C-alpha atoms as a PDB file:
ATOM      1  CA  UNK A   1      14.557   7.092  12.495  1.00  0.00           C
ATOM      2  CA  UNK A   2      12.052   6.320   9.784  1.00  0.00           C
ATOM      3  CA  UNK A   3       9.071   4.231  10.779  1.00  0.00           C
ATOM      4  CA  UNK A   4       6.153   3.026   8.722  1.00  0.00           C
ATOM      5  CA  UNK A   5       3.390   1.269  10.631  1.00  0.00           C
ATOM      6  CA  UNK A   6       0.527  -0.440   8.828  1.00  0.00           C
ATOM      7  CA  UNK A   7      -2.873  -1.216  10.281  1.00  0.00           C
ATOM      8  CA  UNK A   8      -6.292  -2.328   9.148  1.00  0.00           C
ATOM      9  CA  UNK A   9      -5.655  -5.856   7.954  1.00  0.00           C
ATOM     10  CA  UNK A  10      -7.914  -8.735   8.837  1.00  0.00           C
ATOM     11  CA  UNK A  11     -10.172 -11.513   7.647  1.00  0.00           C
ATOM     12  CA  UNK A  12     -12.876 -10.686   5.132  1.00  0.00           C
ATOM     13  CA  UNK A  13     -15.206 -12.657   2.883  1.00  0.00           C
ATOM     14  CA  UNK A  14     -14.969 -12.438  -0.905  1.00  0.00           C
ATOM     15  CA  UNK A  15     -16.658  -9.298  -2.107  1.00  0.00           C
ATOM     16  CA  UNK A  16     -15.964  -7.499   1.144  1.00  0.00           C
ATOM     17  CA  UNK A  17     -13.907  -4.397   1.866  1.00  0.00           C
ATOM     18  CA  UNK A  18     -10.983  -3.387   4.016  1.00  0.00           C
ATOM     19  CA  UNK A  19      -9.120  -0.134   4.483  1.00  0.00           C
ATOM     20  CA  UNK A  20      -5.410  -0.283   5.210  1.00  0.00           C
ATOM     21  CA  UNK A  21      -3.580   2.639   6.729  1.00  0.00           C
ATOM     22  CA  UNK A  22       0.099   3.417   7.092  1.00  0.00           C
ATOM     23  CA  UNK A  23       1.415   5.993   9.539  1.00  0.00           C
ATOM     24  CA  UNK A  24       4.841   7.462   8.858  1.00  0.00           C
ATOM     25  CA  UNK A  25       7.191   9.041  11.354  1.00  0.00           C
ATOM     26  CA  UNK A  26      10.746  10.291  11.221  1.00  0.00           C
ATOM     27  CA  UNK A  27      10.332  11.628   7.692  1.00  0.00           C
ATOM     28  CA  UNK A  28       9.243  14.769   5.933  1.00  0.00           C
ATOM     29  CA  UNK A  29       6.274  12.912   4.528  1.00  0.00           C
ATOM     30  CA  UNK A  30       5.665  15.109   1.504  1.00  0.00           C
ATOM     31  CA  UNK A  31       9.165  14.319   0.218  1.00  0.00           C
ATOM     32  CA  UNK A  32       8.154  10.691  -0.314  1.00  0.00           C
ATOM     33  CA  UNK A  33       6.218   8.900  -2.976  1.00  0.00           C
ATOM     34  CA  UNK A  34       4.270   6.198  -1.137  1.00  0.00           C
ATOM     35  CA  UNK A  35       3.363   2.719  -2.254  1.00  0.00           C
ATOM     36  CA  UNK A  36       1.641  -0.487  -1.235  1.00  0.00           C
ATOM     37  CA  UNK A  37       3.030  -3.902  -2.034  1.00  0.00           C
ATOM     38  CA  UNK A  38       1.864  -7.387  -1.138  1.00  0.00           C
ATOM     39  CA  UNK A  39       3.353 -10.812  -0.779  1.00  0.00           C
ATOM     40  CA  UNK A  40       1.371 -14.012  -0.843  1.00  0.00           C
ATOM     41  CA  UNK A  41       2.755 -17.309   0.474  1.00  0.00           C
ATOM     42  CA  UNK A  42       5.264 -18.783  -1.956  1.00  0.00           C
ATOM     43  CA  UNK A  43       5.184 -15.738  -4.211  1.00  0.00           C
ATOM     44  CA  UNK A  44       7.388 -12.737  -4.728  1.00  0.00           C
ATOM     45  CA  UNK A  45       6.494  -9.351  -3.354  1.00  0.00           C
ATOM     46  CA  UNK A  46       4.465  -7.440  -5.933  1.00  0.00           C
ATOM     47  CA  UNK A  47       3.517  -3.834  -6.470  1.00  0.00           C
ATOM     48  CA  UNK A  48      -0.117  -2.949  -5.735  1.00  0.00           C
ATOM     49  CA  UNK A  49      -0.474   0.839  -5.816  1.00  0.00           C
ATOM     50  CA  UNK A  50       1.558   4.037  -5.652  1.00  0.00           C
ATOM     51  CA  UNK A  51       0.750   7.686  -5.060  1.00  0.00           C
ATOM     52  CA  UNK A  52       2.872  10.728  -5.813  1.00  0.00           C
ATOM     53  CA  UNK A  53       4.119  13.140  -3.182  1.00  0.00           C
ATOM     54  CA  UNK A  54       1.080  15.421  -3.238  1.00  0.00           C
ATOM     55  CA  UNK A  55      -1.429  12.857  -4.431  1.00  0.00           C
ATOM     56  CA  UNK A  56      -1.801  14.106  -7.966  1.00  0.00           C
ATOM     57  CA  UNK A  57      -0.735  10.887  -9.641  1.00  0.00           C
ATOM     58  CA  UNK A  58      -1.478   7.266  -8.865  1.00  0.00           C
ATOM     59  CA  UNK A  59      -0.806   3.912 -10.461  1.00  0.00           C
ATOM     60  CA  UNK A  60      -2.160   0.423  -9.798  1.00  0.00           C
ATOM     61  CA  UNK A  61      -1.539  -3.209 -10.466  1.00  0.00           C
ATOM     62  CA  UNK A  62      -3.849  -4.158 -13.323  1.00  0.00           C
ATOM     63  CA  UNK A  63      -5.713  -6.771 -11.301  1.00  0.00           C
ATOM     64  CA  UNK A  64      -6.745  -4.244  -8.627  1.00  0.00           C
ATOM     65  CA  UNK A  65      -7.741  -1.350 -10.889  1.00  0.00           C
ATOM     66  CA  UNK A  66     -11.279  -0.267 -10.186  1.00  0.00           C
ATOM     67  CA  UNK A  67     -11.329  -2.138  -6.863  1.00  0.00           C
ATOM     68  CA  UNK A  68      -8.513  -0.522  -4.857  1.00  0.00           C
ATOM     69  CA  UNK A  69      -7.894   3.157  -4.239  1.00  0.00           C
ATOM     70  CA  UNK A  70      -4.784   4.728  -2.735  1.00  0.00           C
ATOM     71  CA  UNK A  71      -4.864   8.087  -0.988  1.00  0.00           C
ATOM     72  CA  UNK A  72      -2.698  10.138   1.337  1.00  0.00           C
ATOM     73  CA  UNK A  73      -3.000  12.876   3.923  1.00  0.00           C
ATOM     74  CA  UNK A  74       0.239  14.825   4.188  1.00  0.00           C
ATOM     75  CA  UNK A  75      -1.034  16.754   7.204  1.00  0.00           C
ATOM     76  CA  UNK A  76      -1.410  13.477   9.116  1.00  0.00           C
ATOM     77  CA  UNK A  77       1.552  11.639   7.565  1.00  0.00           C
ATOM     78  CA  UNK A  78      -0.659   8.785   6.468  1.00  0.00           C
ATOM     79  CA  UNK A  79      -1.317   6.807   3.317  1.00  0.00           C
ATOM     80  CA  UNK A  80      -4.334   4.551   2.910  1.00  0.00           C
ATOM     81  CA  UNK A  81      -5.440   1.755   0.637  1.00  0.00           C
ATOM     82  CA  UNK A  82      -9.179   1.255   0.264  1.00  0.00           C
ATOM     83  CA  UNK A  83      -9.823  -2.262  -0.972  1.00  0.00           C
ATOM     84  CA  UNK A  84     -13.266  -3.154  -2.287  1.00  0.00           C
ATOM     85  CA  UNK A  85     -14.657  -6.266  -3.972  1.00  0.00           C
ATOM     86  CA  UNK A  86     -11.912  -8.333  -2.415  1.00  0.00           C
ATOM     87  CA  UNK A  87     -11.068 -11.626  -4.060  1.00  0.00           C
ATOM     88  CA  UNK A  88      -9.408 -14.796  -2.783  1.00  0.00           C
ATOM     89  CA  UNK A  89      -6.240 -13.893  -4.710  1.00  0.00           C
ATOM     90  CA  UNK A  90      -5.920 -10.664  -2.737  1.00  0.00           C
ATOM     91  CA  UNK A  91      -4.869 -12.697   0.296  1.00  0.00           C
ATOM     92  CA  UNK A  92      -1.354 -11.585   1.239  1.00  0.00           C
ATOM     93  CA  UNK A  93       0.721  -9.588   3.644  1.00  0.00           C
ATOM     94  CA  UNK A  94       0.426  -5.951   2.609  1.00  0.00           C
ATOM     95  CA  UNK A  95       3.380  -3.624   3.034  1.00  0.00           C
ATOM     96  CA  UNK A  96       3.591   0.145   3.012  1.00  0.00           C
ATOM     97  CA  UNK A  97       6.708   1.586   1.382  1.00  0.00           C
ATOM     98  CA  UNK A  98       8.270   5.010   0.898  1.00  0.00           C
ATOM     99  CA  UNK A  99      10.410   6.287  -1.935  1.00  0.00           C
ATOM    100  CA  UNK A 100      12.302   9.545  -1.642  1.00  0.00           C
ATOM    101  CA  UNK A 101      11.182  11.834  -4.439  1.00  0.00           C
ATOM    102  CA  UNK A 102      10.653  10.034  -7.739  1.00  0.00           C
ATOM    103  CA  UNK A 103       7.413   9.545  -9.600  1.00  0.00           C
ATOM    104  CA  UNK A 104       4.845   6.818  -9.914  1.00  0.00           C
ATOM    105  CA  UNK A 105       6.520   5.220 -12.916  1.00  0.00           C
ATOM    106  CA  UNK A 106       9.116   3.235 -11.000  1.00  0.00           C
ATOM    107  CA  UNK A 107       7.254   0.593  -9.013  1.00  0.00           C
ATOM    108  CA  UNK A 108       9.781  -2.104  -8.281  1.00  0.00           C
ATOM    109  CA  UNK A 109      10.453  -2.970  -4.665  1.00  0.00           C
ATOM    110  CA  UNK A 110      14.152  -1.962  -4.871  1.00  0.00           C
ATOM    111  CA  UNK A 111      13.014   1.552  -5.873  1.00  0.00           C
ATOM    112  CA  UNK A 112      11.612   2.084  -2.366  1.00  0.00           C
ATOM    113  CA  UNK A 113      13.790   3.128   0.540  1.00  0.00           C
ATOM    114  CA  UNK A 114      11.688   2.297   3.608  1.00  0.00           C
ATOM    115  CA  UNK A 115       9.208  -0.438   4.479  1.00  0.00           C
ATOM    116  CA  UNK A 116       6.666  -1.196   7.135  1.00  0.00           C
ATOM    117  CA  UNK A 117       6.372  -4.516   8.911  1.00  0.00           C
ATOM    118  CA  UNK A 118       3.283  -5.578   6.994  1.00  0.00           C
ATOM    119  CA  UNK A 119      -0.324  -6.351   7.810  1.00  0.00           C
ATOM    120  CA  UNK A 120      -2.117  -9.582   6.952  1.00  0.00           C
ATOM    121  CA  UNK A 121      -5.139  -9.517   4.681  1.00  0.00           C
ATOM    122  CA  UNK A 122      -7.010 -12.800   4.370  1.00  0.00           C
ATOM    123  CA  UNK A 123      -9.926 -13.199   1.988  1.00  0.00           C
ATOM    124  CA  UNK A 124     -11.793 -16.394   2.702  1.00  0.00           C
ATOM    125  CA  UNK A 125     -15.302 -17.755   2.503  1.00  0.00           C
END
């Protein structure tokens, strides 16, 4: 049974930082391209970042480039999202997702096979 469990969300002021983590179980982790998505109230779920199976390739939503960094540790079955210089518009529920094989080019939600339950990130003054 595949499980993805996110952690690390919370309340932060604009300009602050948070680090999200996602722990995977029930999968051979290195088989999966991993991604982060987010969904703000009243908006559709959107792609944030993706990392290839061994971490050699990444891709980001334009609005988070230079502020967010995705990484993974295949030995620990974890993927992380370091978020710096957070802005009010970053407020959303953040979801970890896994895609069997595939590259970082396909970043639509339907491309991903498994999802975590989400963790809330709130950026507020």
